[in-house]
């Protein structure tokens, strides 16, 4: 009986994974000790953007520019969530002190959480190509200039959607400005995550903002 219950529990608590196109595809291991997980901190950010635009055009999708930095944990949270991450999260990032730090997080989940994770992941995979653009140590501001966006960025990650011609259309609202968007505790443990339903709604708003 226990094996049967475990089998059905696994069926109910496993979400399907939909691969998301994310640029850069690879990071230079010789750049800053090879510690970066998301951003090419030594490369040309315009090249990263243009590869994302080429891919999006071929696949009839829109580019989401994730303008941020390696040391911001929320950049890593966004990256995990749009790829369907749920349950256990192992984060490794370089803090603003330069130290390489880690945080293992466990999320208290329900069947609905797994369903929401799959819906969110599927929506992103079907509609967007992601361009992770490093903001502080590269020519990231040239990317902002190319897409027609102001360089007056005051929070990370700043997430923007581009139209089919690669021009700026809209920005995702700061997650800290929307009640319930950021989740900072799961059960009795400190945690960092998003309300997946709100994130999905905000990404749908972004998509609909493209003229």
C-alpha atoms as a PDB file:
ATOM      1  CA  UNK A   1       0.000   0.000   0.000  1.00  0.00           C
ATOM      2  CA  UNK A   2       2.840   2.420   0.849  1.00  0.00           C
ATOM      3  CA  UNK A   3       4.418   1.842  -2.572  1.00  0.00           C
ATOM      4  CA  UNK A   4       1.088   2.544  -4.298  1.00  0.00           C
ATOM      5  CA  UNK A   5       0.626   5.769  -2.346  1.00  0.00           C
ATOM      6  CA  UNK A   6       4.194   6.838  -3.148  1.00  0.00           C
ATOM      7  CA  UNK A   7       3.610   6.133  -6.848  1.00  0.00           C
ATOM      8  CA  UNK A   8       0.478   8.295  -7.030  1.00  0.00           C
ATOM      9  CA  UNK A   9       2.128  10.991  -4.929  1.00  0.00           C
ATOM     10  CA  UNK A  10       4.941  11.143  -7.474  1.00  0.00           C
ATOM     11  CA  UNK A  11       2.451  11.430 -10.330  1.00  0.00           C
ATOM     12  CA  UNK A  12       0.643  14.325  -8.689  1.00  0.00           C
ATOM     13  CA  UNK A  13       3.791  16.191  -7.653  1.00  0.00           C
ATOM     14  CA  UNK A  14       5.851  16.135 -10.816  1.00  0.00           C
ATOM     15  CA  UNK A  15       5.534  18.958 -13.330  1.00  0.00           C
ATOM     16  CA  UNK A  16       6.467  18.665 -16.979  1.00  0.00           C
ATOM     17  CA  UNK A  17       9.557  20.592 -18.022  1.00  0.00           C
ATOM     18  CA  UNK A  18       9.522  22.921 -21.031  1.00  0.00           C
ATOM     19  CA  UNK A  19      13.004  24.090 -22.128  1.00  0.00           C
ATOM     20  CA  UNK A  20      13.485  27.859 -22.200  1.00  0.00           C
ATOM     21  CA  UNK A  21      15.875  29.528 -24.652  1.00  0.00           C
ATOM     22  CA  UNK A  22      18.324  31.555 -22.572  1.00  0.00           C
ATOM     23  CA  UNK A  23      21.302  33.603 -23.747  1.00  0.00           C
ATOM     24  CA  UNK A  24      24.205  33.517 -23.184  1.00  0.00           C
ATOM     25  CA  UNK A  25      24.280  29.777 -23.777  1.00  0.00           C
ATOM     26  CA  UNK A  26      27.710  29.377 -22.179  1.00  0.00           C
ATOM     27  CA  UNK A  27      29.803  31.413 -19.774  1.00  0.00           C
ATOM     28  CA  UNK A  28      33.532  32.045 -20.019  1.00  0.00           C
ATOM     29  CA  UNK A  29      35.221  29.967 -17.320  1.00  0.00           C
ATOM     30  CA  UNK A  30      38.223  32.320 -17.482  1.00  0.00           C
ATOM     31  CA  UNK A  31      36.093  35.331 -16.598  1.00  0.00           C
ATOM     32  CA  UNK A  32      36.251  36.411 -12.951  1.00  0.00           C
ATOM     33  CA  UNK A  33      37.294  32.996 -11.753  1.00  0.00           C
ATOM     34  CA  UNK A  34      34.486  31.249 -13.600  1.00  0.00           C
ATOM     35  CA  UNK A  35      32.091  31.943 -10.726  1.00  0.00           C
ATOM     36  CA  UNK A  36      29.248  33.500 -12.738  1.00  0.00           C
ATOM     37  CA  UNK A  37      26.092  31.438 -13.100  1.00  0.00           C
ATOM     38  CA  UNK A  38      23.865  33.686 -15.231  1.00  0.00           C
ATOM     39  CA  UNK A  39      25.732  36.577 -16.797  1.00  0.00           C
ATOM     40  CA  UNK A  40      28.692  36.875 -19.135  1.00  0.00           C
ATOM     41  CA  UNK A  41      30.606  39.459 -17.120  1.00  0.00           C
ATOM     42  CA  UNK A  42      33.418  39.817 -19.652  1.00  0.00           C
ATOM     43  CA  UNK A  43      31.680  39.507 -23.006  1.00  0.00           C
ATOM     44  CA  UNK A  44      29.972  41.862 -25.415  1.00  0.00           C
ATOM     45  CA  UNK A  45      26.357  42.223 -24.267  1.00  0.00           C
ATOM     46  CA  UNK A  46      25.222  43.416 -27.701  1.00  0.00           C
ATOM     47  CA  UNK A  47      26.277  40.054 -29.131  1.00  0.00           C
ATOM     48  CA  UNK A  48      24.173  38.281 -26.500  1.00  0.00           C
ATOM     49  CA  UNK A  49      21.164  40.464 -27.277  1.00  0.00           C
ATOM     50  CA  UNK A  50      21.455  40.015 -31.035  1.00  0.00           C
ATOM     51  CA  UNK A  51      21.695  36.221 -30.739  1.00  0.00           C
ATOM     52  CA  UNK A  52      18.544  36.252 -28.637  1.00  0.00           C
ATOM     53  CA  UNK A  53      16.791  38.456 -31.199  1.00  0.00           C
ATOM     54  CA  UNK A  54      17.776  36.160 -34.058  1.00  0.00           C
ATOM     55  CA  UNK A  55      16.454  33.133 -32.218  1.00  0.00           C
ATOM     56  CA  UNK A  56      13.233  34.875 -31.230  1.00  0.00           C
ATOM     57  CA  UNK A  57      12.573  35.911 -34.827  1.00  0.00           C
ATOM     58  CA  UNK A  58      13.047  32.347 -36.075  1.00  0.00           C
ATOM     59  CA  UNK A  59      10.744  30.975 -33.395  1.00  0.00           C
ATOM     60  CA  UNK A  60       8.149  33.779 -33.592  1.00  0.00           C
ATOM     61  CA  UNK A  61       8.708  34.770 -29.963  1.00  0.00           C
ATOM     62  CA  UNK A  62       9.537  37.931 -28.048  1.00  0.00           C
ATOM     63  CA  UNK A  63      12.803  38.693 -26.266  1.00  0.00           C
ATOM     64  CA  UNK A  64      12.750  39.281 -22.537  1.00  0.00           C
ATOM     65  CA  UNK A  65      15.779  41.292 -21.505  1.00  0.00           C
ATOM     66  CA  UNK A  66      16.768  40.440 -17.934  1.00  0.00           C
ATOM     67  CA  UNK A  67      19.017  43.336 -17.017  1.00  0.00           C
ATOM     68  CA  UNK A  68      20.822  42.487 -13.823  1.00  0.00           C
ATOM     69  CA  UNK A  69      23.905  41.398 -11.940  1.00  0.00           C
ATOM     70  CA  UNK A  70      25.392  38.188 -10.680  1.00  0.00           C
ATOM     71  CA  UNK A  71      25.329  39.238  -7.019  1.00  0.00           C
ATOM     72  CA  UNK A  72      21.562  39.804  -6.869  1.00  0.00           C
ATOM     73  CA  UNK A  73      19.794  36.707  -5.525  1.00  0.00           C
ATOM     74  CA  UNK A  74      16.494  37.730  -7.124  1.00  0.00           C
ATOM     75  CA  UNK A  75      18.072  37.399 -10.566  1.00  0.00           C
ATOM     76  CA  UNK A  76      18.750  33.756  -9.757  1.00  0.00           C
ATOM     77  CA  UNK A  77      15.261  33.280  -8.339  1.00  0.00           C
ATOM     78  CA  UNK A  78      13.681  34.560 -11.559  1.00  0.00           C
ATOM     79  CA  UNK A  79      15.907  32.283 -13.635  1.00  0.00           C
ATOM     80  CA  UNK A  80      14.872  29.197 -11.637  1.00  0.00           C
ATOM     81  CA  UNK A  81      11.176  30.021 -11.541  1.00  0.00           C
ATOM     82  CA  UNK A  82      10.707  30.597 -15.269  1.00  0.00           C
ATOM     83  CA  UNK A  83      12.342  27.220 -15.885  1.00  0.00           C
ATOM     84  CA  UNK A  84       9.840  25.433 -13.680  1.00  0.00           C
ATOM     85  CA  UNK A  85      11.911  25.220 -10.519  1.00  0.00           C
ATOM     86  CA  UNK A  86       9.994  24.028  -7.478  1.00  0.00           C
ATOM     87  CA  UNK A  87      10.547  22.344  -4.125  1.00  0.00           C
ATOM     88  CA  UNK A  88      14.294  22.435  -3.637  1.00  0.00           C
ATOM     89  CA  UNK A  89      16.507  25.286  -4.774  1.00  0.00           C
ATOM     90  CA  UNK A  90      20.288  25.337  -4.645  1.00  0.00           C
ATOM     91  CA  UNK A  91      21.546  28.850  -5.251  1.00  0.00           C
ATOM     92  CA  UNK A  92      25.185  29.768  -5.806  1.00  0.00           C
ATOM     93  CA  UNK A  93      26.151  33.328  -6.517  1.00  0.00           C
ATOM     94  CA  UNK A  94      28.904  35.864  -5.976  1.00  0.00           C
ATOM     95  CA  UNK A  95      27.831  38.375  -3.358  1.00  0.00           C
ATOM     96  CA  UNK A  96      28.560  42.083  -3.749  1.00  0.00           C
ATOM     97  CA  UNK A  97      31.537  41.514  -1.442  1.00  0.00           C
ATOM     98  CA  UNK A  98      33.069  39.274  -4.092  1.00  0.00           C
ATOM     99  CA  UNK A  99      32.657  36.132  -1.988  1.00  0.00           C
ATOM    100  CA  UNK A 100      31.056  33.057  -3.567  1.00  0.00           C
ATOM    101  CA  UNK A 101      28.105  32.145  -1.382  1.00  0.00           C
ATOM    102  CA  UNK A 102      25.341  29.581  -1.399  1.00  0.00           C
ATOM    103  CA  UNK A 103      21.867  29.095  -0.060  1.00  0.00           C
ATOM    104  CA  UNK A 104      19.889  25.867  -0.157  1.00  0.00           C
ATOM    105  CA  UNK A 105      16.159  26.531   0.088  1.00  0.00           C
ATOM    106  CA  UNK A 106      13.239  24.201   0.570  1.00  0.00           C
ATOM    107  CA  UNK A 107       9.768  25.241  -0.482  1.00  0.00           C
ATOM    108  CA  UNK A 108       6.677  23.852   1.216  1.00  0.00           C
ATOM    109  CA  UNK A 109       4.561  22.802  -1.775  1.00  0.00           C
ATOM    110  CA  UNK A 110       1.080  21.646  -2.679  1.00  0.00           C
ATOM    111  CA  UNK A 111      -0.242  19.932  -5.793  1.00  0.00           C
ATOM    112  CA  UNK A 112      -1.415  23.346  -7.003  1.00  0.00           C
ATOM    113  CA  UNK A 113       2.157  24.698  -6.744  1.00  0.00           C
ATOM    114  CA  UNK A 114       3.373  22.011  -9.141  1.00  0.00           C
ATOM    115  CA  UNK A 115       0.580  22.818 -11.554  1.00  0.00           C
ATOM    116  CA  UNK A 116       1.371  26.535 -11.364  1.00  0.00           C
ATOM    117  CA  UNK A 117       5.092  25.858 -11.905  1.00  0.00           C
ATOM    118  CA  UNK A 118       4.300  23.903 -15.072  1.00  0.00           C
ATOM    119  CA  UNK A 119       1.892  26.543 -16.394  1.00  0.00           C
ATOM    120  CA  UNK A 120       4.433  29.319 -15.793  1.00  0.00           C
ATOM    121  CA  UNK A 121       7.292  27.392 -17.371  1.00  0.00           C
ATOM    122  CA  UNK A 122       5.186  26.464 -20.407  1.00  0.00           C
ATOM    123  CA  UNK A 123       4.078  30.062 -20.956  1.00  0.00           C
ATOM    124  CA  UNK A 124       7.655  31.352 -20.852  1.00  0.00           C
ATOM    125  CA  UNK A 125       8.987  28.593 -23.105  1.00  0.00           C
ATOM    126  CA  UNK A 126       6.274  29.159 -25.710  1.00  0.00           C
ATOM    127  CA  UNK A 127       6.444  32.954 -25.802  1.00  0.00           C
ATOM    128  CA  UNK A 128       9.894  34.238 -24.875  1.00  0.00           C
ATOM    129  CA  UNK A 129      13.604  34.045 -25.510  1.00  0.00           C
ATOM    130  CA  UNK A 130      15.625  35.282 -22.544  1.00  0.00           C
ATOM    131  CA  UNK A 131      18.606  37.626 -22.881  1.00  0.00           C
ATOM    132  CA  UNK A 132      20.535  37.902 -19.610  1.00  0.00           C
ATOM    133  CA  UNK A 133      22.319  41.250 -19.907  1.00  0.00           C
ATOM    134  CA  UNK A 134      24.974  42.106 -17.308  1.00  0.00           C
ATOM    135  CA  UNK A 135      24.461  45.629 -16.030  1.00  0.00           C
ATOM    136  CA  UNK A 136      27.548  46.828 -14.179  1.00  0.00           C
ATOM    137  CA  UNK A 137      30.824  45.413 -15.495  1.00  0.00           C
ATOM    138  CA  UNK A 138      30.220  45.345 -19.254  1.00  0.00           C
ATOM    139  CA  UNK A 139      28.715  47.362 -22.079  1.00  0.00           C
ATOM    140  CA  UNK A 140      25.215  46.640 -20.798  1.00  0.00           C
ATOM    141  CA  UNK A 141      24.193  50.275 -21.191  1.00  0.00           C
ATOM    142  CA  UNK A 142      24.832  49.962 -24.914  1.00  0.00           C
ATOM    143  CA  UNK A 143      22.094  47.351 -24.980  1.00  0.00           C
ATOM    144  CA  UNK A 144      19.717  49.813 -23.328  1.00  0.00           C
ATOM    145  CA  UNK A 145      20.642  52.415 -25.926  1.00  0.00           C
ATOM    146  CA  UNK A 146      20.099  49.981 -28.804  1.00  0.00           C
ATOM    147  CA  UNK A 147      16.632  48.946 -27.639  1.00  0.00           C
ATOM    148  CA  UNK A 148      15.610  52.526 -26.880  1.00  0.00           C
ATOM    149  CA  UNK A 149      15.418  52.213 -23.114  1.00  0.00           C
ATOM    150  CA  UNK A 150      16.593  54.749 -20.545  1.00  0.00           C
ATOM    151  CA  UNK A 151      19.628  53.742 -18.503  1.00  0.00           C
ATOM    152  CA  UNK A 152      17.922  55.013 -15.354  1.00  0.00           C
ATOM    153  CA  UNK A 153      17.699  51.524 -13.810  1.00  0.00           C
ATOM    154  CA  UNK A 154      17.137  51.428 -10.065  1.00  0.00           C
ATOM    155  CA  UNK A 155      16.405  47.749  -9.291  1.00  0.00           C
ATOM    156  CA  UNK A 156      17.632  44.315 -10.354  1.00  0.00           C
ATOM    157  CA  UNK A 157      16.587  42.412 -12.205  1.00  0.00           C
ATOM    158  CA  UNK A 158      14.865  44.894 -14.490  1.00  0.00           C
ATOM    159  CA  UNK A 159      12.916  42.791 -16.970  1.00  0.00           C
ATOM    160  CA  UNK A 160      11.874  44.306 -20.291  1.00  0.00           C
ATOM    161  CA  UNK A 161      10.067  42.985 -23.337  1.00  0.00           C
ATOM    162  CA  UNK A 162      11.026  43.906 -26.892  1.00  0.00           C
ATOM    163  CA  UNK A 163       8.870  44.030 -29.999  1.00  0.00           C
ATOM    164  CA  UNK A 164       9.605  42.008 -33.126  1.00  0.00           C
ATOM    165  CA  UNK A 165      12.081  44.670 -34.284  1.00  0.00           C
ATOM    166  CA  UNK A 166      14.055  44.537 -31.043  1.00  0.00           C
ATOM    167  CA  UNK A 167      12.711  47.804 -29.675  1.00  0.00           C
ATOM    168  CA  UNK A 168      11.697  48.388 -26.070  1.00  0.00           C
ATOM    169  CA  UNK A 169       7.992  47.934 -25.335  1.00  0.00           C
ATOM    170  CA  UNK A 170       7.430  47.601 -21.584  1.00  0.00           C
ATOM    171  CA  UNK A 171       8.997  46.782 -18.213  1.00  0.00           C
ATOM    172  CA  UNK A 172       7.908  44.250 -15.608  1.00  0.00           C
ATOM    173  CA  UNK A 173       6.881  46.031 -12.435  1.00  0.00           C
ATOM    174  CA  UNK A 174       9.338  45.789  -9.552  1.00  0.00           C
ATOM    175  CA  UNK A 175       8.383  42.627  -7.699  1.00  0.00           C
ATOM    176  CA  UNK A 176       8.776  44.416  -4.362  1.00  0.00           C
ATOM    177  CA  UNK A 177       6.085  46.913  -5.392  1.00  0.00           C
ATOM    178  CA  UNK A 178       3.293  44.334  -5.772  1.00  0.00           C
ATOM    179  CA  UNK A 179       1.691  42.859  -2.672  1.00  0.00           C
ATOM    180  CA  UNK A 180       2.278  39.126  -2.387  1.00  0.00           C
ATOM    181  CA  UNK A 181       4.649  38.911  -5.359  1.00  0.00           C
ATOM    182  CA  UNK A 182       7.799  38.161  -3.382  1.00  0.00           C
ATOM    183  CA  UNK A 183       7.730  35.231  -0.972  1.00  0.00           C
ATOM    184  CA  UNK A 184      10.265  35.442   1.837  1.00  0.00           C
ATOM    185  CA  UNK A 185       9.278  32.545   4.047  1.00  0.00           C
ATOM    186  CA  UNK A 186       8.141  28.974   3.408  1.00  0.00           C
ATOM    187  CA  UNK A 187       6.774  27.225   6.444  1.00  0.00           C
ATOM    188  CA  UNK A 188       8.998  28.287   9.321  1.00  0.00           C
ATOM    189  CA  UNK A 189      12.096  28.751   7.155  1.00  0.00           C
ATOM    190  CA  UNK A 190      13.453  31.878   5.492  1.00  0.00           C
ATOM    191  CA  UNK A 191      12.961  31.636   1.742  1.00  0.00           C
ATOM    192  CA  UNK A 192      13.155  33.671  -1.453  1.00  0.00           C
ATOM    193  CA  UNK A 193      10.663  33.054  -4.209  1.00  0.00           C
ATOM    194  CA  UNK A 194       7.690  34.357  -6.154  1.00  0.00           C
ATOM    195  CA  UNK A 195       3.977  33.819  -6.174  1.00  0.00           C
ATOM    196  CA  UNK A 196       3.855  31.964  -9.487  1.00  0.00           C
ATOM    197  CA  UNK A 197       0.331  33.087 -10.328  1.00  0.00           C
ATOM    198  CA  UNK A 198       1.297  36.752  -9.937  1.00  0.00           C
ATOM    199  CA  UNK A 199       4.490  36.255 -11.950  1.00  0.00           C
ATOM    200  CA  UNK A 200       2.504  34.621 -14.741  1.00  0.00           C
ATOM    201  CA  UNK A 201      -0.036  37.458 -14.717  1.00  0.00           C
ATOM    202  CA  UNK A 202       2.723  40.068 -14.908  1.00  0.00           C
ATOM    203  CA  UNK A 203       4.433  38.279 -17.806  1.00  0.00           C
ATOM    204  CA  UNK A 204       1.103  38.088 -19.625  1.00  0.00           C
ATOM    205  CA  UNK A 205       0.722  41.842 -19.139  1.00  0.00           C
ATOM    206  CA  UNK A 206       4.194  42.332 -20.633  1.00  0.00           C
ATOM    207  CA  UNK A 207       3.364  40.191 -23.653  1.00  0.00           C
ATOM    208  CA  UNK A 208       0.104  42.055 -24.252  1.00  0.00           C
ATOM    209  CA  UNK A 209       1.946  45.378 -24.056  1.00  0.00           C
ATOM    210  CA  UNK A 210       3.801  44.693 -27.296  1.00  0.00           C
ATOM    211  CA  UNK A 211       2.188  46.630 -30.147  1.00  0.00           C
END
